[in-house]
């Protein structure tokens, strides 16, 4: 009888340990345009801490507004830079609208942006660097929201949301505010002149979750020295979300150099491929995504829309990959 009791206690302890291990994973769910695929405009992801804190990264055009059923609770929104495909100048009317190579993005949301509309509906913070916080604060105030919900975190500093420590890191790109995002005569003048308003340098992010996992979100960037000295050397990122789209950002070869030689994570998720990268959830031959996948020396996990992946503290995928 005693041995049976100890066996039951041991079994219960093992179950509890397993449940605790699962609970300690970081969950990442891509919110692309078409379920189960990696498509042209896909940037948005929800990253969920083991404590339930949920961050939306670059809402862009594929989140179907604040009513998108995939969003759920959102505690904070991260915006790498002010370009329309990241902040959301327009968005799809519904999930699975249009085709993977030509998603429906028919709903125009300027001058508000998809980011602002989601933040207002979800009562979420907007965490950004550079000069972007003042822009978002002004938008929130004008629309009846709380301007203090737009919060700054600059290079070398950090801000916590729930169990997640958030910092910004340098990105090499541009970061102008389109005239369409600005009300009144100033916006019209900027658009007519073909100019944008300065919003400070673009950023990437490093998120350190409560299980110890550090994740590098590259934003739109080229190769930078900070990917070695700061992202790897200081923060020790074990998982990377890396843009691979070429022309506007690092291409697949350059992106592979970043992860192979500079950051050296345990796993990588490609982003911003600017193509219909998959069909039936499988990488299409001849795509930038295929080229990057073959060049990377660590596991590459496709951001298939709606599929939740779970990562442990070492950045290794333990579910959904």
C-alpha atoms as a PDB file:
ATOM      1  CA  UNK A   1       0.000   0.000   0.000  1.00  0.00           C
ATOM      2  CA  UNK A   2       2.845   2.356   0.911  1.00  0.00           C
ATOM      3  CA  UNK A   3       4.588   1.713  -2.405  1.00  0.00           C
ATOM      4  CA  UNK A   4       1.354   2.410  -4.316  1.00  0.00           C
ATOM      5  CA  UNK A   5       0.944   5.686  -2.448  1.00  0.00           C
ATOM      6  CA  UNK A   6       4.490   6.765  -3.302  1.00  0.00           C
ATOM      7  CA  UNK A   7       3.959   5.755  -6.922  1.00  0.00           C
ATOM      8  CA  UNK A   8       0.853   7.929  -7.100  1.00  0.00           C
ATOM      9  CA  UNK A   9       2.671  10.842  -5.462  1.00  0.00           C
ATOM     10  CA  UNK A  10       5.591  10.467  -7.861  1.00  0.00           C
ATOM     11  CA  UNK A  11       3.253  10.321 -10.861  1.00  0.00           C
ATOM     12  CA  UNK A  12       1.378  13.413  -9.676  1.00  0.00           C
ATOM     13  CA  UNK A  13       4.668  15.270  -9.184  1.00  0.00           C
ATOM     14  CA  UNK A  14       5.761  14.367 -12.715  1.00  0.00           C
ATOM     15  CA  UNK A  15       2.458  15.628 -14.135  1.00  0.00           C
ATOM     16  CA  UNK A  16       2.788  18.889 -12.215  1.00  0.00           C
ATOM     17  CA  UNK A  17       6.388  19.300 -13.384  1.00  0.00           C
ATOM     18  CA  UNK A  18       5.314  18.736 -16.992  1.00  0.00           C
ATOM     19  CA  UNK A  19       2.502  21.260 -16.664  1.00  0.00           C
ATOM     20  CA  UNK A  20       4.900  23.799 -15.139  1.00  0.00           C
ATOM     21  CA  UNK A  21       7.353  23.257 -17.987  1.00  0.00           C
ATOM     22  CA  UNK A  22       4.625  23.832 -20.557  1.00  0.00           C
ATOM     23  CA  UNK A  23       3.424  26.921 -18.731  1.00  0.00           C
ATOM     24  CA  UNK A  24       6.959  28.325 -18.850  1.00  0.00           C
ATOM     25  CA  UNK A  25       7.046  28.396 -22.648  1.00  0.00           C
ATOM     26  CA  UNK A  26       6.740  31.562 -24.735  1.00  0.00           C
ATOM     27  CA  UNK A  27       3.966  31.351 -27.324  1.00  0.00           C
ATOM     28  CA  UNK A  28       4.275  33.047 -30.715  1.00  0.00           C
ATOM     29  CA  UNK A  29       1.325  33.240 -33.101  1.00  0.00           C
ATOM     30  CA  UNK A  30       1.764  34.855 -36.538  1.00  0.00           C
ATOM     31  CA  UNK A  31      -1.282  36.851 -37.677  1.00  0.00           C
ATOM     32  CA  UNK A  32      -0.878  36.761 -41.441  1.00  0.00           C
ATOM     33  CA  UNK A  33      -3.350  37.231 -44.257  1.00  0.00           C
ATOM     34  CA  UNK A  34      -4.117  33.580 -45.002  1.00  0.00           C
ATOM     35  CA  UNK A  35      -4.436  30.726 -42.507  1.00  0.00           C
ATOM     36  CA  UNK A  36      -1.598  28.218 -42.573  1.00  0.00           C
ATOM     37  CA  UNK A  37       0.543  30.205 -45.026  1.00  0.00           C
ATOM     38  CA  UNK A  38       3.413  32.714 -45.047  1.00  0.00           C
ATOM     39  CA  UNK A  39       2.293  35.485 -47.394  1.00  0.00           C
ATOM     40  CA  UNK A  40       3.290  38.763 -49.006  1.00  0.00           C
ATOM     41  CA  UNK A  41       2.339  41.288 -46.316  1.00  0.00           C
ATOM     42  CA  UNK A  42       2.826  39.064 -43.246  1.00  0.00           C
ATOM     43  CA  UNK A  43       4.595  40.883 -40.412  1.00  0.00           C
ATOM     44  CA  UNK A  44       2.250  40.752 -37.401  1.00  0.00           C
ATOM     45  CA  UNK A  45       2.820  38.380 -34.490  1.00  0.00           C
ATOM     46  CA  UNK A  46       1.446  37.971 -30.988  1.00  0.00           C
ATOM     47  CA  UNK A  47       4.076  36.998 -28.430  1.00  0.00           C
ATOM     48  CA  UNK A  48       2.711  35.670 -25.139  1.00  0.00           C
ATOM     49  CA  UNK A  49       4.683  35.419 -21.913  1.00  0.00           C
ATOM     50  CA  UNK A  50       4.157  32.460 -19.566  1.00  0.00           C
ATOM     51  CA  UNK A  51       2.375  34.885 -17.210  1.00  0.00           C
ATOM     52  CA  UNK A  52      -0.231  35.664 -19.896  1.00  0.00           C
ATOM     53  CA  UNK A  53       1.127  39.057 -21.009  1.00  0.00           C
ATOM     54  CA  UNK A  54       0.412  39.429 -24.736  1.00  0.00           C
ATOM     55  CA  UNK A  55       2.352  41.724 -27.075  1.00  0.00           C
ATOM     56  CA  UNK A  56       1.386  42.516 -30.665  1.00  0.00           C
ATOM     57  CA  UNK A  57       4.382  43.183 -32.909  1.00  0.00           C
ATOM     58  CA  UNK A  58       3.936  45.319 -36.070  1.00  0.00           C
ATOM     59  CA  UNK A  59       0.177  45.000 -36.608  1.00  0.00           C
ATOM     60  CA  UNK A  60       0.584  46.071 -40.236  1.00  0.00           C
ATOM     61  CA  UNK A  61      -2.006  45.236 -42.865  1.00  0.00           C
ATOM     62  CA  UNK A  62      -2.867  41.610 -42.107  1.00  0.00           C
ATOM     63  CA  UNK A  63      -4.582  42.098 -38.749  1.00  0.00           C
ATOM     64  CA  UNK A  64      -8.196  42.688 -39.728  1.00  0.00           C
ATOM     65  CA  UNK A  65      -8.656  45.693 -37.456  1.00  0.00           C
ATOM     66  CA  UNK A  66      -9.435  45.611 -33.729  1.00  0.00           C
ATOM     67  CA  UNK A  67     -12.277  43.147 -34.290  1.00  0.00           C
ATOM     68  CA  UNK A  68      -9.928  40.471 -35.654  1.00  0.00           C
ATOM     69  CA  UNK A  69     -10.897  37.413 -33.567  1.00  0.00           C
ATOM     70  CA  UNK A  70      -7.296  36.221 -33.432  1.00  0.00           C
ATOM     71  CA  UNK A  71      -6.151  39.159 -31.317  1.00  0.00           C
ATOM     72  CA  UNK A  72      -7.725  38.356 -27.973  1.00  0.00           C
ATOM     73  CA  UNK A  73      -6.264  40.329 -25.075  1.00  0.00           C
ATOM     74  CA  UNK A  74      -3.446  42.660 -26.093  1.00  0.00           C
ATOM     75  CA  UNK A  75      -1.422  44.372 -23.364  1.00  0.00           C
ATOM     76  CA  UNK A  76       0.976  46.316 -25.559  1.00  0.00           C
ATOM     77  CA  UNK A  77       1.742  46.972 -29.226  1.00  0.00           C
ATOM     78  CA  UNK A  78       5.283  47.268 -30.549  1.00  0.00           C
ATOM     79  CA  UNK A  79       5.961  49.265 -33.724  1.00  0.00           C
ATOM     80  CA  UNK A  80       9.382  49.003 -35.340  1.00  0.00           C
ATOM     81  CA  UNK A  81       8.877  51.983 -37.644  1.00  0.00           C
ATOM     82  CA  UNK A  82       6.238  54.135 -39.311  1.00  0.00           C
ATOM     83  CA  UNK A  83       5.968  52.578 -42.765  1.00  0.00           C
ATOM     84  CA  UNK A  84       2.441  51.627 -43.748  1.00  0.00           C
ATOM     85  CA  UNK A  85       3.076  47.898 -43.981  1.00  0.00           C
ATOM     86  CA  UNK A  86       4.166  47.897 -40.313  1.00  0.00           C
ATOM     87  CA  UNK A  87       2.043  50.523 -38.575  1.00  0.00           C
ATOM     88  CA  UNK A  88      -0.979  49.727 -40.751  1.00  0.00           C
ATOM     89  CA  UNK A  89      -2.128  52.304 -43.288  1.00  0.00           C
ATOM     90  CA  UNK A  90      -4.829  49.866 -44.377  1.00  0.00           C
ATOM     91  CA  UNK A  91      -5.838  46.322 -43.559  1.00  0.00           C
ATOM     92  CA  UNK A  92      -7.835  43.339 -44.696  1.00  0.00           C
ATOM     93  CA  UNK A  93     -11.590  43.280 -44.220  1.00  0.00           C
ATOM     94  CA  UNK A  94     -11.396  39.742 -42.856  1.00  0.00           C
ATOM     95  CA  UNK A  95      -8.961  36.915 -42.334  1.00  0.00           C
ATOM     96  CA  UNK A  96      -8.307  34.921 -45.529  1.00  0.00           C
ATOM     97  CA  UNK A  97      -9.334  37.801 -47.755  1.00  0.00           C
ATOM     98  CA  UNK A  98      -7.635  37.650 -51.141  1.00  0.00           C
ATOM     99  CA  UNK A  99      -4.792  35.369 -52.155  1.00  0.00           C
ATOM    100  CA  UNK A 100      -1.427  34.755 -50.500  1.00  0.00           C
ATOM    101  CA  UNK A 101       0.425  36.686 -53.199  1.00  0.00           C
ATOM    102  CA  UNK A 102      -2.236  39.389 -53.361  1.00  0.00           C
ATOM    103  CA  UNK A 103      -3.966  39.725 -49.976  1.00  0.00           C
ATOM    104  CA  UNK A 104      -7.034  41.904 -49.563  1.00  0.00           C
ATOM    105  CA  UNK A 105      -6.016  45.138 -47.821  1.00  0.00           C
ATOM    106  CA  UNK A 106      -9.024  47.167 -48.913  1.00  0.00           C
ATOM    107  CA  UNK A 107      -9.877  48.852 -45.597  1.00  0.00           C
ATOM    108  CA  UNK A 108      -8.154  52.252 -45.407  1.00  0.00           C
ATOM    109  CA  UNK A 109      -7.468  53.493 -41.889  1.00  0.00           C
ATOM    110  CA  UNK A 110      -5.459  56.663 -42.410  1.00  0.00           C
ATOM    111  CA  UNK A 111      -4.921  58.994 -40.687  1.00  0.00           C
ATOM    112  CA  UNK A 112      -5.506  56.783 -37.607  1.00  0.00           C
ATOM    113  CA  UNK A 113      -3.530  53.610 -38.534  1.00  0.00           C
ATOM    114  CA  UNK A 114      -4.353  50.027 -37.631  1.00  0.00           C
ATOM    115  CA  UNK A 115      -2.058  50.306 -34.603  1.00  0.00           C
ATOM    116  CA  UNK A 116      -3.980  53.212 -33.072  1.00  0.00           C
ATOM    117  CA  UNK A 117      -7.373  51.613 -33.677  1.00  0.00           C
ATOM    118  CA  UNK A 118      -6.281  48.361 -32.038  1.00  0.00           C
ATOM    119  CA  UNK A 119      -4.685  50.163 -29.082  1.00  0.00           C
ATOM    120  CA  UNK A 120      -7.877  52.114 -28.436  1.00  0.00           C
ATOM    121  CA  UNK A 121     -10.130  49.066 -28.693  1.00  0.00           C
ATOM    122  CA  UNK A 122      -7.905  46.864 -26.529  1.00  0.00           C
ATOM    123  CA  UNK A 123      -6.870  49.585 -24.053  1.00  0.00           C
ATOM    124  CA  UNK A 124      -3.316  48.578 -24.878  1.00  0.00           C
ATOM    125  CA  UNK A 125      -0.069  50.461 -24.445  1.00  0.00           C
ATOM    126  CA  UNK A 126       2.046  51.386 -27.469  1.00  0.00           C
ATOM    127  CA  UNK A 127       5.744  50.887 -26.680  1.00  0.00           C
ATOM    128  CA  UNK A 128       8.125  52.517 -29.167  1.00  0.00           C
ATOM    129  CA  UNK A 129      11.499  54.254 -29.363  1.00  0.00           C
ATOM    130  CA  UNK A 130      12.910  57.285 -31.164  1.00  0.00           C
ATOM    131  CA  UNK A 131      10.428  60.144 -31.666  1.00  0.00           C
ATOM    132  CA  UNK A 132       7.473  57.839 -32.300  1.00  0.00           C
ATOM    133  CA  UNK A 133       5.873  57.975 -28.812  1.00  0.00           C
ATOM    134  CA  UNK A 134       4.846  61.629 -29.172  1.00  0.00           C
ATOM    135  CA  UNK A 135       3.212  60.909 -32.529  1.00  0.00           C
ATOM    136  CA  UNK A 136       1.155  58.049 -31.095  1.00  0.00           C
ATOM    137  CA  UNK A 137       0.329  60.022 -27.937  1.00  0.00           C
ATOM    138  CA  UNK A 138      -1.104  62.831 -30.056  1.00  0.00           C
ATOM    139  CA  UNK A 139      -3.227  60.375 -32.016  1.00  0.00           C
ATOM    140  CA  UNK A 140      -4.543  58.724 -28.869  1.00  0.00           C
ATOM    141  CA  UNK A 141      -5.442  62.072 -27.296  1.00  0.00           C
ATOM    142  CA  UNK A 142      -7.211  63.301 -30.436  1.00  0.00           C
ATOM    143  CA  UNK A 143      -9.345  60.154 -30.504  1.00  0.00           C
ATOM    144  CA  UNK A 144     -10.313  60.248 -26.825  1.00  0.00           C
ATOM    145  CA  UNK A 145      -7.694  57.802 -25.600  1.00  0.00           C
ATOM    146  CA  UNK A 146      -5.024  58.220 -22.946  1.00  0.00           C
ATOM    147  CA  UNK A 147      -1.851  59.791 -24.371  1.00  0.00           C
ATOM    148  CA  UNK A 148       0.129  58.284 -21.479  1.00  0.00           C
ATOM    149  CA  UNK A 149      -0.523  54.866 -23.008  1.00  0.00           C
ATOM    150  CA  UNK A 150       2.109  55.740 -25.615  1.00  0.00           C
ATOM    151  CA  UNK A 151       5.375  55.016 -23.843  1.00  0.00           C
ATOM    152  CA  UNK A 152       9.023  55.460 -24.735  1.00  0.00           C
ATOM    153  CA  UNK A 153      11.864  52.975 -24.472  1.00  0.00           C
ATOM    154  CA  UNK A 154      15.165  54.096 -26.012  1.00  0.00           C
ATOM    155  CA  UNK A 155      18.364  52.227 -26.830  1.00  0.00           C
ATOM    156  CA  UNK A 156      20.031  50.846 -23.722  1.00  0.00           C
ATOM    157  CA  UNK A 157      16.951  51.290 -21.537  1.00  0.00           C
ATOM    158  CA  UNK A 158      14.094  48.913 -20.804  1.00  0.00           C
ATOM    159  CA  UNK A 159      10.453  49.011 -19.828  1.00  0.00           C
ATOM    160  CA  UNK A 160       8.445  46.141 -18.378  1.00  0.00           C
ATOM    161  CA  UNK A 161       4.959  45.079 -19.391  1.00  0.00           C
ATOM    162  CA  UNK A 162       3.837  42.235 -17.174  1.00  0.00           C
ATOM    163  CA  UNK A 163       6.688  39.744 -17.048  1.00  0.00           C
ATOM    164  CA  UNK A 164       8.330  41.001 -20.245  1.00  0.00           C
ATOM    165  CA  UNK A 165      11.268  43.415 -20.284  1.00  0.00           C
ATOM    166  CA  UNK A 166      11.257  45.432 -23.524  1.00  0.00           C
ATOM    167  CA  UNK A 167      14.173  47.314 -25.018  1.00  0.00           C
ATOM    168  CA  UNK A 168      14.847  48.833 -28.419  1.00  0.00           C
ATOM    169  CA  UNK A 169      17.985  48.190 -30.450  1.00  0.00           C
ATOM    170  CA  UNK A 170      19.294  49.970 -33.564  1.00  0.00           C
ATOM    171  CA  UNK A 171      18.003  49.156 -37.030  1.00  0.00           C
ATOM    172  CA  UNK A 172      19.340  50.482 -40.322  1.00  0.00           C
ATOM    173  CA  UNK A 173      16.359  51.617 -42.380  1.00  0.00           C
ATOM    174  CA  UNK A 174      14.214  54.750 -42.798  1.00  0.00           C
ATOM    175  CA  UNK A 175      11.392  55.973 -40.584  1.00  0.00           C
ATOM    176  CA  UNK A 176       9.336  58.809 -42.024  1.00  0.00           C
ATOM    177  CA  UNK A 177       5.710  59.584 -41.186  1.00  0.00           C
ATOM    178  CA  UNK A 178       3.689  59.647 -44.391  1.00  0.00           C
ATOM    179  CA  UNK A 179       1.600  62.751 -44.993  1.00  0.00           C
ATOM    180  CA  UNK A 180      -1.500  60.535 -45.066  1.00  0.00           C
ATOM    181  CA  UNK A 181      -1.035  59.917 -41.311  1.00  0.00           C
ATOM    182  CA  UNK A 182      -1.124  63.652 -40.549  1.00  0.00           C
ATOM    183  CA  UNK A 183      -4.363  65.645 -40.491  1.00  0.00           C
ATOM    184  CA  UNK A 184      -4.730  69.047 -42.099  1.00  0.00           C
ATOM    185  CA  UNK A 185      -2.627  71.177 -44.378  1.00  0.00           C
ATOM    186  CA  UNK A 186       0.730  69.871 -43.156  1.00  0.00           C
ATOM    187  CA  UNK A 187      -0.102  66.346 -44.238  1.00  0.00           C
ATOM    188  CA  UNK A 188      -1.229  67.550 -47.652  1.00  0.00           C
ATOM    189  CA  UNK A 189       1.931  69.610 -48.102  1.00  0.00           C
ATOM    190  CA  UNK A 190       4.185  66.682 -47.195  1.00  0.00           C
ATOM    191  CA  UNK A 191       2.407  64.379 -49.631  1.00  0.00           C
ATOM    192  CA  UNK A 192       2.487  66.974 -52.411  1.00  0.00           C
ATOM    193  CA  UNK A 193       6.220  67.464 -51.906  1.00  0.00           C
ATOM    194  CA  UNK A 194       6.927  63.748 -51.785  1.00  0.00           C
ATOM    195  CA  UNK A 195       8.347  64.088 -48.282  1.00  0.00           C
ATOM    196  CA  UNK A 196       7.783  62.439 -44.913  1.00  0.00           C
ATOM    197  CA  UNK A 197       8.037  63.812 -41.368  1.00  0.00           C
ATOM    198  CA  UNK A 198      11.004  62.772 -39.244  1.00  0.00           C
ATOM    199  CA  UNK A 199      10.175  60.188 -36.572  1.00  0.00           C
ATOM    200  CA  UNK A 200      13.668  59.364 -35.379  1.00  0.00           C
ATOM    201  CA  UNK A 201      15.634  56.237 -36.296  1.00  0.00           C
ATOM    202  CA  UNK A 202      13.805  52.932 -36.808  1.00  0.00           C
ATOM    203  CA  UNK A 203      14.222  50.250 -34.172  1.00  0.00           C
ATOM    204  CA  UNK A 204      14.360  46.571 -33.526  1.00  0.00           C
ATOM    205  CA  UNK A 205      13.396  45.069 -30.165  1.00  0.00           C
ATOM    206  CA  UNK A 206      14.819  42.621 -27.683  1.00  0.00           C
ATOM    207  CA  UNK A 207      12.190  41.068 -25.435  1.00  0.00           C
ATOM    208  CA  UNK A 208      13.244  39.175 -22.325  1.00  0.00           C
ATOM    209  CA  UNK A 209      10.433  36.957 -21.104  1.00  0.00           C
ATOM    210  CA  UNK A 210       9.788  35.731 -17.578  1.00  0.00           C
ATOM    211  CA  UNK A 211      11.189  32.275 -18.408  1.00  0.00           C
ATOM    212  CA  UNK A 212      14.516  33.905 -19.348  1.00  0.00           C
ATOM    213  CA  UNK A 213      14.129  33.663 -23.129  1.00  0.00           C
ATOM    214  CA  UNK A 214      15.505  36.693 -25.011  1.00  0.00           C
ATOM    215  CA  UNK A 215      13.952  37.252 -28.451  1.00  0.00           C
ATOM    216  CA  UNK A 216      15.337  39.652 -31.064  1.00  0.00           C
ATOM    217  CA  UNK A 217      12.744  41.275 -33.349  1.00  0.00           C
ATOM    218  CA  UNK A 218      14.794  42.793 -36.158  1.00  0.00           C
ATOM    219  CA  UNK A 219      12.216  45.184 -37.579  1.00  0.00           C
ATOM    220  CA  UNK A 220      13.299  46.339 -41.026  1.00  0.00           C
ATOM    221  CA  UNK A 221      17.070  46.512 -41.010  1.00  0.00           C
ATOM    222  CA  UNK A 222      20.314  45.903 -42.783  1.00  0.00           C
ATOM    223  CA  UNK A 223      23.360  44.321 -41.199  1.00  0.00           C
ATOM    224  CA  UNK A 224      24.464  46.208 -38.074  1.00  0.00           C
ATOM    225  CA  UNK A 225      27.386  45.831 -35.668  1.00  0.00           C
ATOM    226  CA  UNK A 226      24.887  45.913 -32.783  1.00  0.00           C
ATOM    227  CA  UNK A 227      23.524  42.550 -33.858  1.00  0.00           C
ATOM    228  CA  UNK A 228      26.801  41.119 -32.578  1.00  0.00           C
ATOM    229  CA  UNK A 229      27.740  43.435 -29.721  1.00  0.00           C
ATOM    230  CA  UNK A 230      24.306  44.225 -28.286  1.00  0.00           C
ATOM    231  CA  UNK A 231      21.793  41.587 -29.396  1.00  0.00           C
ATOM    232  CA  UNK A 232      24.140  38.608 -28.950  1.00  0.00           C
ATOM    233  CA  UNK A 233      26.866  39.965 -26.679  1.00  0.00           C
ATOM    234  CA  UNK A 234      24.735  41.780 -24.116  1.00  0.00           C
ATOM    235  CA  UNK A 235      21.209  40.349 -24.329  1.00  0.00           C
ATOM    236  CA  UNK A 236      22.106  36.833 -25.470  1.00  0.00           C
ATOM    237  CA  UNK A 237      19.114  36.435 -27.787  1.00  0.00           C
ATOM    238  CA  UNK A 238      18.313  32.768 -28.377  1.00  0.00           C
ATOM    239  CA  UNK A 239      15.448  33.290 -30.826  1.00  0.00           C
ATOM    240  CA  UNK A 240      15.346  35.727 -33.746  1.00  0.00           C
ATOM    241  CA  UNK A 241      12.501  37.060 -35.900  1.00  0.00           C
ATOM    242  CA  UNK A 242      14.435  38.205 -38.980  1.00  0.00           C
ATOM    243  CA  UNK A 243      13.372  40.221 -42.034  1.00  0.00           C
ATOM    244  CA  UNK A 244      14.520  38.615 -45.308  1.00  0.00           C
ATOM    245  CA  UNK A 245      12.691  40.619 -47.986  1.00  0.00           C
ATOM    246  CA  UNK A 246      15.624  42.106 -49.944  1.00  0.00           C
ATOM    247  CA  UNK A 247      15.720  45.558 -51.654  1.00  0.00           C
ATOM    248  CA  UNK A 248      14.060  47.273 -48.671  1.00  0.00           C
ATOM    249  CA  UNK A 249      15.810  45.219 -45.948  1.00  0.00           C
ATOM    250  CA  UNK A 250      18.349  42.434 -45.631  1.00  0.00           C
ATOM    251  CA  UNK A 251      17.881  39.818 -48.330  1.00  0.00           C
ATOM    252  CA  UNK A 252      18.002  36.098 -47.592  1.00  0.00           C
ATOM    253  CA  UNK A 253      21.804  35.884 -47.924  1.00  0.00           C
ATOM    254  CA  UNK A 254      22.424  38.919 -45.716  1.00  0.00           C
ATOM    255  CA  UNK A 255      19.824  37.753 -43.191  1.00  0.00           C
ATOM    256  CA  UNK A 256      21.532  34.353 -43.035  1.00  0.00           C
ATOM    257  CA  UNK A 257      24.841  36.101 -42.295  1.00  0.00           C
ATOM    258  CA  UNK A 258      23.176  38.003 -39.432  1.00  0.00           C
ATOM    259  CA  UNK A 259      21.877  34.862 -37.747  1.00  0.00           C
ATOM    260  CA  UNK A 260      24.831  32.604 -38.596  1.00  0.00           C
ATOM    261  CA  UNK A 261      27.711  34.938 -37.766  1.00  0.00           C
ATOM    262  CA  UNK A 262      26.403  37.781 -35.585  1.00  0.00           C
ATOM    263  CA  UNK A 263      23.441  36.866 -33.376  1.00  0.00           C
ATOM    264  CA  UNK A 264      23.936  33.061 -33.441  1.00  0.00           C
ATOM    265  CA  UNK A 265      20.547  32.122 -31.936  1.00  0.00           C
ATOM    266  CA  UNK A 266      19.248  28.600 -31.412  1.00  0.00           C
ATOM    267  CA  UNK A 267      16.341  29.171 -33.795  1.00  0.00           C
ATOM    268  CA  UNK A 268      15.023  31.760 -36.236  1.00  0.00           C
ATOM    269  CA  UNK A 269      11.640  32.772 -37.649  1.00  0.00           C
ATOM    270  CA  UNK A 270      11.782  34.530 -41.053  1.00  0.00           C
ATOM    271  CA  UNK A 271       9.610  37.592 -41.588  1.00  0.00           C
ATOM    272  CA  UNK A 272       8.888  40.278 -44.164  1.00  0.00           C
ATOM    273  CA  UNK A 273       9.612  38.012 -47.134  1.00  0.00           C
ATOM    274  CA  UNK A 274       7.437  40.137 -49.471  1.00  0.00           C
ATOM    275  CA  UNK A 275       6.285  37.056 -51.361  1.00  0.00           C
ATOM    276  CA  UNK A 276       3.844  34.195 -51.323  1.00  0.00           C
ATOM    277  CA  UNK A 277       6.445  32.037 -49.611  1.00  0.00           C
ATOM    278  CA  UNK A 278       4.401  28.901 -49.038  1.00  0.00           C
ATOM    279  CA  UNK A 279       1.705  26.752 -50.586  1.00  0.00           C
ATOM    280  CA  UNK A 280      -0.126  24.297 -48.375  1.00  0.00           C
ATOM    281  CA  UNK A 281       2.189  25.378 -45.569  1.00  0.00           C
ATOM    282  CA  UNK A 282       5.307  24.228 -47.439  1.00  0.00           C
ATOM    283  CA  UNK A 283       8.073  26.490 -48.746  1.00  0.00           C
ATOM    284  CA  UNK A 284       7.818  27.147 -52.474  1.00  0.00           C
ATOM    285  CA  UNK A 285      10.870  26.422 -54.579  1.00  0.00           C
ATOM    286  CA  UNK A 286      12.809  29.431 -55.811  1.00  0.00           C
ATOM    287  CA  UNK A 287      11.558  31.796 -53.120  1.00  0.00           C
ATOM    288  CA  UNK A 288      13.620  34.043 -50.877  1.00  0.00           C
ATOM    289  CA  UNK A 289      12.286  32.028 -47.977  1.00  0.00           C
ATOM    290  CA  UNK A 290      13.683  28.801 -49.419  1.00  0.00           C
ATOM    291  CA  UNK A 291      17.059  30.456 -49.994  1.00  0.00           C
ATOM    292  CA  UNK A 292      17.189  31.733 -46.416  1.00  0.00           C
ATOM    293  CA  UNK A 293      16.046  28.413 -44.975  1.00  0.00           C
ATOM    294  CA  UNK A 294      18.843  26.579 -46.777  1.00  0.00           C
ATOM    295  CA  UNK A 295      21.485  29.149 -45.782  1.00  0.00           C
ATOM    296  CA  UNK A 296      20.674  29.375 -42.063  1.00  0.00           C
ATOM    297  CA  UNK A 297      22.677  27.042 -39.832  1.00  0.00           C
ATOM    298  CA  UNK A 298      20.017  26.730 -37.140  1.00  0.00           C
ATOM    299  CA  UNK A 299      16.390  25.525 -37.252  1.00  0.00           C
ATOM    300  CA  UNK A 300      14.144  27.842 -39.292  1.00  0.00           C
ATOM    301  CA  UNK A 301      10.491  27.891 -38.246  1.00  0.00           C
ATOM    302  CA  UNK A 302       8.020  29.230 -40.792  1.00  0.00           C
ATOM    303  CA  UNK A 303       5.544  31.831 -39.459  1.00  0.00           C
ATOM    304  CA  UNK A 304       2.438  30.095 -40.768  1.00  0.00           C
ATOM    305  CA  UNK A 305      -0.531  32.308 -40.006  1.00  0.00           C
ATOM    306  CA  UNK A 306      -2.648  31.225 -37.058  1.00  0.00           C
ATOM    307  CA  UNK A 307      -0.275  28.455 -35.967  1.00  0.00           C
ATOM    308  CA  UNK A 308       0.996  28.910 -32.414  1.00  0.00           C
ATOM    309  CA  UNK A 309       4.597  27.918 -31.757  1.00  0.00           C
ATOM    310  CA  UNK A 310       5.994  27.434 -28.258  1.00  0.00           C
ATOM    311  CA  UNK A 311       9.610  28.087 -27.281  1.00  0.00           C
ATOM    312  CA  UNK A 312      11.486  27.202 -24.125  1.00  0.00           C
ATOM    313  CA  UNK A 313      14.043  29.378 -22.376  1.00  0.00           C
ATOM    314  CA  UNK A 314      16.783  28.245 -24.788  1.00  0.00           C
ATOM    315  CA  UNK A 315      14.814  29.348 -27.845  1.00  0.00           C
ATOM    316  CA  UNK A 316      14.087  25.812 -28.949  1.00  0.00           C
ATOM    317  CA  UNK A 317      10.658  25.071 -30.374  1.00  0.00           C
ATOM    318  CA  UNK A 318       8.833  22.501 -28.272  1.00  0.00           C
ATOM    319  CA  UNK A 319       5.407  22.670 -29.896  1.00  0.00           C
ATOM    320  CA  UNK A 320       3.715  23.828 -33.102  1.00  0.00           C
ATOM    321  CA  UNK A 321       6.785  23.901 -35.345  1.00  0.00           C
END
